[in-house]
Amino acid sequence: MPPPGRAEAIGVQLYQRLLGTSFDRLPPAVRRFHAQGGGVAECTFVVRRHAGRLHGLVARAAGLPAVTASARVLLQVHAVGEREFWTRVFPDCKLRTAQWIERGRLIEQAGPLQVAFDVAADESGMRLTSRRCRVLGIPLPRALAPRVAATVSGLADGWNVEVSIALPLIGTIGAYSGTVVPA
C-alpha cells in the first residue's frame, strides 16, 4: 500500500463515480475533499458503546475505539486505482478500511468483513445504509449481518459525521460522532 497523502490522479474519483450528478449537490467542503482523491483531516469524536459486558467484548473484538467524550482522530485517505484506503487513527487504535464500487454500491472492507452500502446524497450531505455483508467472501444472511449507518452533514469548513454499528440480537456495539476538518 502506498503512503498516505495525495493520491494518484485517476480522473473522476470514487464518490464522484458512485454518486453521479448527485455529487455536485454535496456541501462544498465534502465535495472538495472527495473530489481530490485523498487527503488528511483532523477529527474530534465522541465514541459511545452500549452498556454491557457482551457489547464491550464484541466491540473490542471488532477493534472499535474505546469510549471517550473527546477523541482527537487523524483521518488519512488515499486513492489507488479505483479504490480508496481510509485510515482513522484514534488514540487507542487504528481503523483501516478499503472502499470501492461494486454493482452501484459502495463496498467497505475491514479485515475479512465487506459491507455494501446504499449511498444517498443531497445539499445537506450523505447517508450511508448497509444492505448486505460478506465475511471472507461468503454472504451473510441479513438476519446475521451487522448493520452500519452513517450520516455526513456539511459545515462551512468540514462536516459532521455520525456512524453506528449494530449486530442482530445484540444491538448497537459502537458509535462515534463529531466534526471532521480537512487539513
Protein backbone atom coordinates (compact mmCIF):
# COMPACT_ATOMS: atom_id res chain seq x y z
CA MET A 1 0.00 0.00 0.00
CA PRO A 2 1.45 3.43 -0.91
CA PRO A 3 1.98 6.02 1.82
CA PRO A 4 -1.00 8.18 2.85
CA GLY A 5 -1.36 11.60 1.27
CA ARG A 6 -2.29 12.86 -2.16
CA ALA A 7 -3.48 10.12 -4.47
CA GLU A 8 -2.54 9.29 -7.98
CA ALA A 9 -4.61 11.26 -10.43
CA ILE A 10 -7.16 8.92 -11.92
CA GLY A 11 -9.66 11.45 -13.20
CA VAL A 12 -13.07 11.08 -11.66
CA GLN A 13 -12.76 9.96 -8.04
CA LEU A 14 -14.63 7.19 -6.21
CA TYR A 15 -17.51 9.22 -4.73
CA GLN A 16 -17.94 11.18 -7.98
CA ARG A 17 -18.35 7.88 -9.86
CA LEU A 18 -20.65 6.45 -7.19
CA LEU A 19 -22.97 9.45 -6.86
CA GLY A 20 -23.01 10.72 -10.45
CA THR A 21 -24.85 14.03 -10.76
CA SER A 22 -25.81 13.95 -7.04
CA PHE A 23 -22.12 14.54 -6.24
CA ASP A 24 -22.46 18.17 -7.36
CA ARG A 25 -25.23 18.71 -4.78
CA LEU A 26 -22.98 17.85 -1.80
CA PRO A 27 -21.95 20.61 0.62
CA PRO A 28 -18.79 22.37 -0.70
CA ALA A 29 -16.29 21.06 1.90
CA VAL A 30 -17.49 17.45 1.47
CA ARG A 31 -17.41 17.76 -2.33
CA ARG A 32 -13.87 19.25 -2.35
CA PHE A 33 -12.46 16.50 -0.10
CA HIS A 34 -13.97 13.66 -2.13
CA ALA A 35 -13.02 15.23 -5.48
CA GLN A 36 -9.28 15.30 -4.74
CA GLY A 37 -8.74 11.55 -4.47
CA GLY A 38 -7.39 11.61 -0.97
CA GLY A 39 -6.41 13.89 1.81
CA VAL A 40 -5.93 14.36 5.51
CA ALA A 41 -8.39 15.66 8.07
CA GLU A 42 -8.46 16.30 11.79
CA CYS A 43 -11.47 14.98 13.67
CA THR A 44 -12.90 15.36 17.14
CA PHE A 45 -15.22 12.47 18.01
CA VAL A 46 -17.36 11.28 20.87
CA VAL A 47 -17.14 7.47 21.00
CA ARG A 48 -20.02 5.54 22.55
CA ARG A 49 -20.83 1.90 23.22
CA HIS A 50 -23.96 0.25 24.51
CA ALA A 51 -23.58 -0.73 28.16
CA GLY A 52 -22.97 -4.35 28.98
CA ARG A 53 -20.18 -6.88 29.10
CA LEU A 54 -21.18 -8.65 25.86
CA HIS A 55 -21.29 -5.35 23.94
CA GLY A 56 -17.83 -4.44 25.25
CA LEU A 57 -16.36 -7.81 24.30
CA VAL A 58 -17.79 -7.66 20.78
CA ALA A 59 -16.65 -4.04 20.31
CA ARG A 60 -13.10 -4.88 21.44
CA ALA A 61 -13.00 -7.99 19.23
CA ALA A 62 -14.10 -5.82 16.29
CA GLY A 63 -11.24 -3.38 17.00
CA LEU A 64 -13.52 -0.45 17.79
CA PRO A 65 -12.13 2.50 19.76
CA ALA A 66 -12.65 2.95 23.49
CA VAL A 67 -15.42 5.12 24.88
CA THR A 68 -14.43 8.77 25.20
CA ALA A 69 -16.09 12.17 25.36
CA SER A 70 -13.48 13.76 23.09
CA ALA A 71 -11.09 11.79 20.90
CA ARG A 72 -8.73 13.63 18.57
CA VAL A 73 -8.59 11.48 15.44
CA LEU A 74 -6.46 11.74 12.32
CA LEU A 75 -8.17 10.72 9.08
CA GLN A 76 -5.98 9.81 6.09
CA VAL A 77 -7.49 8.86 2.73
CA HIS A 78 -5.62 7.94 -0.41
CA ALA A 79 -6.73 6.54 -3.74
CA VAL A 80 -5.02 3.78 -5.67
CA GLY A 81 -6.63 2.99 -8.97
CA GLU A 82 -10.37 2.56 -8.45
CA ARG A 83 -10.13 2.16 -4.64
CA GLU A 84 -9.73 4.45 -1.67
CA PHE A 85 -7.90 3.47 1.50
CA TRP A 86 -9.13 5.08 4.72
CA THR A 87 -7.17 5.14 7.98
CA ARG A 88 -8.76 6.58 11.11
CA VAL A 89 -6.17 6.95 13.88
CA PHE A 90 -7.92 7.03 17.26
CA PRO A 91 -5.90 7.49 20.48
CA ASP A 92 -6.10 3.73 21.23
CA CYS A 93 -6.49 2.09 17.80
CA LYS A 94 -6.35 2.44 14.03
CA LEU A 95 -9.35 1.60 11.87
CA ARG A 96 -8.22 0.78 8.34
CA THR A 97 -10.66 0.14 5.53
CA ALA A 98 -10.71 -0.03 1.75
CA GLN A 99 -13.60 1.30 -0.34
CA TRP A 100 -14.67 0.63 -3.93
CA ILE A 101 -17.78 0.45 -6.09
CA GLU A 102 -19.42 -2.85 -6.94
CA ARG A 103 -22.75 -3.07 -8.80
CA GLY A 104 -23.65 0.52 -7.97
CA ARG A 105 -22.99 0.19 -4.24
CA LEU A 106 -20.13 1.38 -2.06
CA ILE A 107 -18.21 -1.57 -0.64
CA GLU A 108 -16.14 -1.03 2.50
CA GLN A 109 -13.80 -3.75 3.69
CA ALA A 110 -12.31 -4.04 7.17
CA GLY A 111 -10.24 -7.21 7.52
CA PRO A 112 -12.35 -10.17 6.38
CA LEU A 113 -15.63 -8.18 6.56
CA GLN A 114 -17.12 -6.46 3.49
CA VAL A 115 -20.20 -4.26 3.84
CA ALA A 116 -22.21 -2.99 0.85
CA PHE A 117 -23.84 0.43 1.29
CA ASP A 118 -26.55 2.37 -0.46
CA VAL A 119 -25.40 5.99 -0.51
CA ALA A 120 -27.78 8.93 -0.91
CA ALA A 121 -26.51 12.48 -1.37
CA ASP A 122 -28.05 15.93 -1.46
CA GLU A 123 -27.35 19.52 -0.36
CA SER A 124 -27.24 18.52 3.32
CA GLY A 125 -24.67 15.71 2.89
CA MET A 126 -24.72 11.91 2.58
CA ARG A 127 -26.47 8.98 4.18
CA LEU A 128 -24.90 5.52 4.03
CA THR A 129 -27.01 2.48 4.87
CA SER A 130 -25.65 -1.06 4.89
CA ARG A 131 -27.54 -3.51 2.67
CA ARG A 132 -25.50 -6.70 2.65
CA CYS A 133 -22.39 -8.18 4.18
CA ARG A 134 -19.78 -10.82 3.37
CA VAL A 135 -17.20 -12.45 5.59
CA LEU A 136 -14.21 -13.98 3.76
CA GLY A 137 -16.27 -13.54 0.58
CA ILE A 138 -19.20 -15.58 1.91
CA PRO A 139 -22.54 -13.70 2.02
CA LEU A 140 -24.11 -13.45 5.47
CA PRO A 141 -27.88 -13.78 5.79
CA ARG A 142 -29.39 -10.37 6.58
CA ALA A 143 -30.55 -11.74 9.94
CA LEU A 144 -26.90 -12.25 10.96
CA ALA A 145 -25.26 -9.28 9.22
CA PRO A 146 -24.02 -6.19 11.03
CA ARG A 147 -25.99 -3.01 10.42
CA VAL A 148 -23.91 0.07 9.75
CA ALA A 149 -25.36 3.54 9.27
CA ALA A 150 -23.55 6.82 8.71
CA THR A 151 -24.57 10.39 8.03
CA VAL A 152 -22.37 13.22 6.82
CA SER A 153 -23.69 16.80 7.25
CA GLY A 154 -21.87 19.74 5.73
CA LEU A 155 -20.30 22.60 7.69
CA ALA A 156 -18.56 25.71 6.37
CA ASP A 157 -15.05 24.23 6.72
CA GLY A 158 -15.74 20.49 7.09
CA TRP A 159 -18.59 18.23 8.12
CA ASN A 160 -20.26 16.43 10.98
CA VAL A 161 -20.30 12.64 10.91
CA GLU A 162 -22.33 10.06 12.82
CA VAL A 163 -21.53 6.34 12.49
CA SER A 164 -23.20 3.44 14.29
CA ILE A 165 -22.54 -0.30 14.14
CA ALA A 166 -25.12 -2.79 15.38
CA LEU A 167 -25.48 -6.55 15.40
CA PRO A 168 -28.76 -8.50 15.27
CA LEU A 169 -29.95 -9.68 18.68
CA ILE A 170 -27.23 -7.62 20.40
CA GLY A 171 -27.97 -4.08 19.18
CA THR A 172 -25.53 -1.20 18.88
CA ILE A 173 -21.99 -2.23 19.75
CA GLY A 174 -20.31 1.07 18.93
CA ALA A 175 -20.88 4.54 17.56
CA TYR A 176 -18.93 7.72 17.03
CA SER A 177 -19.87 11.24 16.05
CA GLY A 178 -18.24 14.61 15.73
CA THR A 179 -16.57 17.03 13.37
CA VAL A 180 -14.13 16.47 10.52
CA VAL A 181 -11.99 19.37 9.25
CA PRO A 182 -9.75 18.75 6.20
CA ALA A 183 -6.13 19.89 6.56
